[in-house]
Amino acid sequence: MFLLCDLPGWSLLPLATGKTGITTKLRLCAGCHNPFFKQHSADLSCTFNQSGFVLPNGTALQACGTVYCSKCFHAGPPFKTRHENQKGLIFPKVNARLFPNFICKACQVRAHLGRELLCHQHNFSLLMLERMRQLVTMNEWAEGTLSKHGHKIERFFDFEALFGVAPLQATKFAHPPITPAIPIIWTQLKASLEPGESKWPTLTYGTTQSLRSVAAFY
């Protein structure tokens, strides 16, 4: 069963118990736990929502059952944004089909932990950091570029529906990416919330960015 952790500004974050793992919720939005309908469409599905995956060490992890409406994919305090309309904290206003290999935060965190999630504050914190990492990554593209791509990508899917040939084929993942790059960004995001010098409430952007240089040097 999911333990619903409802925080101001955040869509729901599921934290599964060690006994049950992740329970399939394919008919409900993982962000609000409401059914899907025309204006609340299931347009952001985790690659492993039905199959689960096996890690390189042989550990098998359960299917997550995670499907979002992209409108219900957002973050909030203590993270902030200097952009208008909460850009950077919400899913960009583009066609979600631009992200065919979407991997939910639960699967990405489980892959790096090498086990199912537990009812532990550290697990929950990692889910929050991964939500922010995904939003930052998605919003790094220029809004104009995303808007143009989101409109034109439908031409490829229309062609596939008409002729039965897929021009675009997403790379198949055996499991979520397991790379130091992801926890490095988690570390950077966590550092961005720490107190800064007297004139700054938190560490500056330059200070947190320098963590990548330290990691590269190491």
Protein backbone atom coordinates (compact mmCIF):
# COMPACT_ATOMS: atom_id res chain seq x y z
CA MET A 1 0.00 0.00 0.00
CA PHE A 2 1.06 3.58 -0.55
CA LEU A 3 1.58 5.88 2.41
CA LEU A 4 0.43 9.24 1.13
CA CYS A 5 2.80 12.04 2.10
CA ASP A 6 0.92 15.23 1.29
CA LEU A 7 3.14 18.33 1.44
CA PRO A 8 2.13 21.90 0.51
CA GLY A 9 3.04 22.63 -3.12
CA TRP A 10 3.86 18.99 -3.90
CA SER A 11 1.83 16.43 -5.76
CA LEU A 12 1.67 13.17 -3.82
CA LEU A 13 4.83 11.21 -3.11
CA PRO A 14 4.34 7.46 -2.57
CA LEU A 15 6.48 5.78 0.06
CA ALA A 16 5.97 2.03 -0.03
CA THR A 17 6.45 -0.31 2.91
CA GLY A 18 9.18 -2.93 2.92
CA LYS A 19 6.61 -5.74 3.03
CA THR A 20 4.43 -4.73 0.12
CA GLY A 21 6.80 -2.77 -2.08
CA ILE A 22 5.00 -0.78 -4.77
CA THR A 23 1.34 -1.52 -5.38
CA THR A 24 0.11 -1.14 -8.95
CA LYS A 25 -2.16 1.88 -9.36
CA LEU A 26 -2.39 2.05 -13.14
CA ARG A 27 -5.96 3.41 -13.09
CA LEU A 28 -5.17 6.26 -10.72
CA CYS A 29 -2.87 9.25 -11.13
CA ALA A 30 0.18 8.83 -8.90
CA GLY A 31 0.23 12.58 -8.27
CA CYS A 32 -3.31 13.07 -6.99
CA HIS A 33 -4.77 9.52 -6.75
CA ASN A 34 -7.80 10.51 -8.83
CA PRO A 35 -9.05 8.56 -11.87
CA PHE A 36 -8.08 9.71 -15.36
CA PHE A 37 -10.47 11.52 -17.70
CA LYS A 38 -10.26 13.73 -20.79
CA GLN A 39 -8.84 16.82 -19.06
CA HIS A 40 -6.80 14.67 -16.64
CA SER A 41 -5.07 12.28 -19.02
CA ALA A 42 -2.61 9.49 -18.28
CA ASP A 43 0.20 10.98 -20.37
CA LEU A 44 3.30 10.30 -18.25
CA SER A 45 3.84 6.59 -17.66
CA CYS A 46 6.88 5.03 -16.01
CA THR A 47 8.81 2.66 -18.28
CA PHE A 48 8.65 0.00 -15.55
CA ASN A 49 5.07 0.48 -14.43
CA GLN A 50 4.04 -3.06 -15.43
CA SER A 51 7.23 -5.05 -15.87
CA GLY A 52 9.48 -4.19 -12.94
CA PHE A 53 13.21 -4.73 -13.50
CA VAL A 54 16.24 -6.75 -12.48
CA LEU A 55 19.37 -4.94 -11.30
CA PRO A 56 22.84 -5.95 -12.56
CA ASN A 57 23.47 -7.79 -9.28
CA GLY A 58 20.39 -9.97 -9.88
CA THR A 59 18.03 -8.20 -7.46
CA ALA A 60 14.48 -8.19 -8.84
CA LEU A 61 12.30 -5.18 -8.02
CA GLN A 62 8.55 -4.96 -8.45
CA ALA A 63 6.58 -3.10 -11.09
CA CYS A 64 5.81 0.38 -9.81
CA GLY A 65 2.41 0.86 -11.42
CA THR A 66 3.15 4.58 -11.75
CA VAL A 67 1.19 6.69 -14.21
CA TYR A 68 0.89 10.48 -13.94
CA CYS A 69 -1.11 13.20 -15.51
CA SER A 70 1.71 15.62 -16.28
CA LYS A 71 -0.36 18.39 -14.66
CA CYS A 72 0.04 16.53 -11.35
CA PHE A 73 3.83 16.36 -11.50
CA HIS A 74 5.21 19.26 -9.47
CA ALA A 75 7.30 20.20 -6.45
CA GLY A 76 7.21 22.91 -3.81
CA PRO A 77 8.92 24.19 -0.65
CA PRO A 78 11.65 24.12 0.47
CA PHE A 79 12.63 24.37 -3.22
CA LYS A 80 12.03 27.71 -4.93
CA THR A 81 12.21 29.15 -8.43
CA ARG A 82 13.12 32.58 -9.71
CA HIS A 83 11.07 32.06 -12.87
CA GLU A 84 7.48 33.16 -13.41
CA ASN A 85 4.50 30.82 -13.18
CA GLN A 86 6.41 28.31 -11.07
CA LYS A 87 8.53 27.24 -14.05
CA GLY A 88 11.16 24.83 -12.81
CA LEU A 89 8.86 23.40 -10.16
CA ILE A 90 6.20 22.08 -12.52
CA PHE A 91 6.20 19.83 -15.57
CA PRO A 92 6.84 22.04 -18.62
CA LYS A 93 3.75 22.90 -20.63
CA VAL A 94 4.61 20.62 -23.53
CA ASN A 95 3.56 17.33 -25.05
CA ALA A 96 4.50 14.64 -22.51
CA ARG A 97 5.20 12.24 -25.41
CA LEU A 98 8.52 14.04 -25.78
CA PHE A 99 9.62 11.94 -22.77
CA PRO A 100 9.05 8.34 -23.92
CA ASN A 101 11.57 6.89 -21.46
CA PHE A 102 10.14 8.53 -18.36
CA ILE A 103 11.26 6.69 -15.23
CA CYS A 104 9.40 7.53 -12.04
CA LYS A 105 11.22 8.67 -8.93
CA ALA A 106 10.36 5.47 -7.05
CA CYS A 107 12.08 3.29 -9.67
CA GLN A 108 15.10 5.58 -9.97
CA VAL A 109 15.62 5.72 -6.20
CA ARG A 110 15.09 1.96 -5.81
CA ALA A 111 17.66 1.27 -8.52
CA HIS A 112 20.31 3.29 -6.69
CA LEU A 113 19.42 1.85 -3.28
CA GLY A 114 19.38 -1.67 -4.71
CA ARG A 115 16.18 -2.62 -2.87
CA GLU A 116 12.52 -1.78 -2.36
CA LEU A 117 11.65 1.45 -0.55
CA LEU A 118 11.21 1.52 3.20
CA CYS A 119 9.18 3.77 5.49
CA HIS A 120 12.20 5.86 6.36
CA GLN A 121 12.77 9.60 6.23
CA HIS A 122 15.92 9.20 4.13
CA ASN A 123 14.01 7.23 1.49
CA PHE A 124 11.34 9.91 1.40
CA SER A 125 13.96 12.66 1.08
CA LEU A 126 15.53 10.86 -1.88
CA LEU A 127 12.12 10.72 -3.59
CA MET A 128 11.81 14.49 -3.18
CA LEU A 129 15.31 15.09 -4.53
CA GLU A 130 14.64 12.85 -7.52
CA ARG A 131 11.37 14.68 -8.26
CA MET A 132 13.32 17.95 -8.35
CA ARG A 133 16.12 16.46 -10.47
CA GLN A 134 13.61 15.34 -13.07
CA LEU A 135 11.86 18.71 -13.16
CA VAL A 136 15.18 20.57 -13.47
CA THR A 137 16.23 18.27 -16.33
CA MET A 138 12.91 18.65 -18.17
CA ASN A 139 12.95 22.44 -17.80
CA GLU A 140 16.55 22.83 -19.02
CA TRP A 141 15.29 22.89 -22.60
CA ALA A 142 14.21 26.28 -23.88
CA GLU A 143 10.45 26.74 -23.62
CA GLY A 144 10.20 27.74 -27.27
CA THR A 145 12.10 24.65 -28.39
CA LEU A 146 9.91 22.34 -26.32
CA SER A 147 6.75 23.96 -27.65
CA LYS A 148 7.83 23.50 -31.29
CA HIS A 149 8.92 19.90 -30.73
CA GLY A 150 5.77 19.04 -28.81
CA HIS A 151 3.57 20.18 -31.68
CA LYS A 152 5.54 18.46 -34.44
CA ILE A 153 6.11 15.13 -32.72
CA GLU A 154 2.48 14.24 -33.35
CA ARG A 155 3.32 13.93 -37.06
CA PHE A 156 5.47 10.89 -36.27
CA PHE A 157 2.74 9.21 -34.25
CA ASP A 158 0.15 9.97 -36.92
CA PHE A 159 2.43 8.34 -39.52
CA GLU A 160 2.83 5.27 -37.31
CA ALA A 161 -0.94 4.98 -36.85
CA LEU A 162 -1.51 5.29 -40.61
CA PHE A 163 1.19 2.94 -41.95
CA GLY A 164 2.04 0.71 -38.98
CA VAL A 165 5.71 1.70 -39.13
CA ALA A 166 7.30 3.49 -36.15
CA PRO A 167 9.69 6.30 -37.21
CA LEU A 168 10.57 6.95 -33.57
CA GLN A 169 11.63 4.06 -31.36
CA ALA A 170 12.64 4.78 -27.79
CA THR A 171 15.68 2.96 -26.43
CA LYS A 172 14.67 -0.04 -24.31
CA PHE A 173 16.02 0.04 -20.76
CA ALA A 174 16.60 -3.18 -18.84
CA HIS A 175 16.59 -1.18 -15.61
CA PRO A 176 16.75 2.50 -14.58
CA PRO A 177 20.12 4.17 -15.17
CA ILE A 178 22.53 3.55 -12.31
CA THR A 179 25.18 6.23 -12.54
CA PRO A 180 27.01 8.51 -10.09
CA ALA A 181 25.67 11.47 -12.10
CA ILE A 182 22.23 11.13 -10.48
CA PRO A 183 23.26 11.09 -6.78
CA ILE A 184 25.74 13.88 -7.58
CA ILE A 185 22.78 16.03 -8.61
CA TRP A 186 20.83 14.88 -5.53
CA THR A 187 23.77 16.11 -3.44
CA GLN A 188 23.79 19.43 -5.28
CA LEU A 189 20.04 19.90 -4.78
CA LYS A 190 20.30 19.09 -1.08
CA ALA A 191 23.15 21.59 -0.73
CA SER A 192 21.03 24.29 -2.38
CA LEU A 193 18.73 24.21 0.68
CA GLU A 194 21.48 24.74 3.25
CA PRO A 195 21.93 28.13 4.98
CA GLY A 196 24.21 30.54 3.17
CA GLU A 197 26.21 33.51 4.37
CA SER A 198 24.52 36.30 6.31
CA LYS A 199 23.22 38.13 3.23
CA TRP A 200 21.92 34.99 1.49
CA PRO A 201 19.24 32.67 2.97
CA THR A 202 20.72 29.64 1.19
CA LEU A 203 23.96 28.69 -0.56
CA THR A 204 24.50 30.52 -3.84
CA TYR A 205 24.07 28.94 -7.24
CA GLY A 206 27.81 29.17 -7.88
CA THR A 207 28.63 27.31 -4.68
CA THR A 208 26.28 24.44 -5.44
CA GLN A 209 27.48 24.27 -9.06
CA SER A 210 31.06 23.91 -7.85
CA LEU A 211 30.12 20.54 -6.34
CA ARG A 212 30.12 19.10 -9.86
CA SER A 213 33.73 20.22 -10.31
CA VAL A 214 34.66 18.56 -7.00
CA ALA A 215 32.97 15.33 -8.10
CA ALA A 216 34.73 15.42 -11.48
CA PHE A 217 38.08 16.01 -9.79
CA TYR A 218 37.49 13.05 -7.45
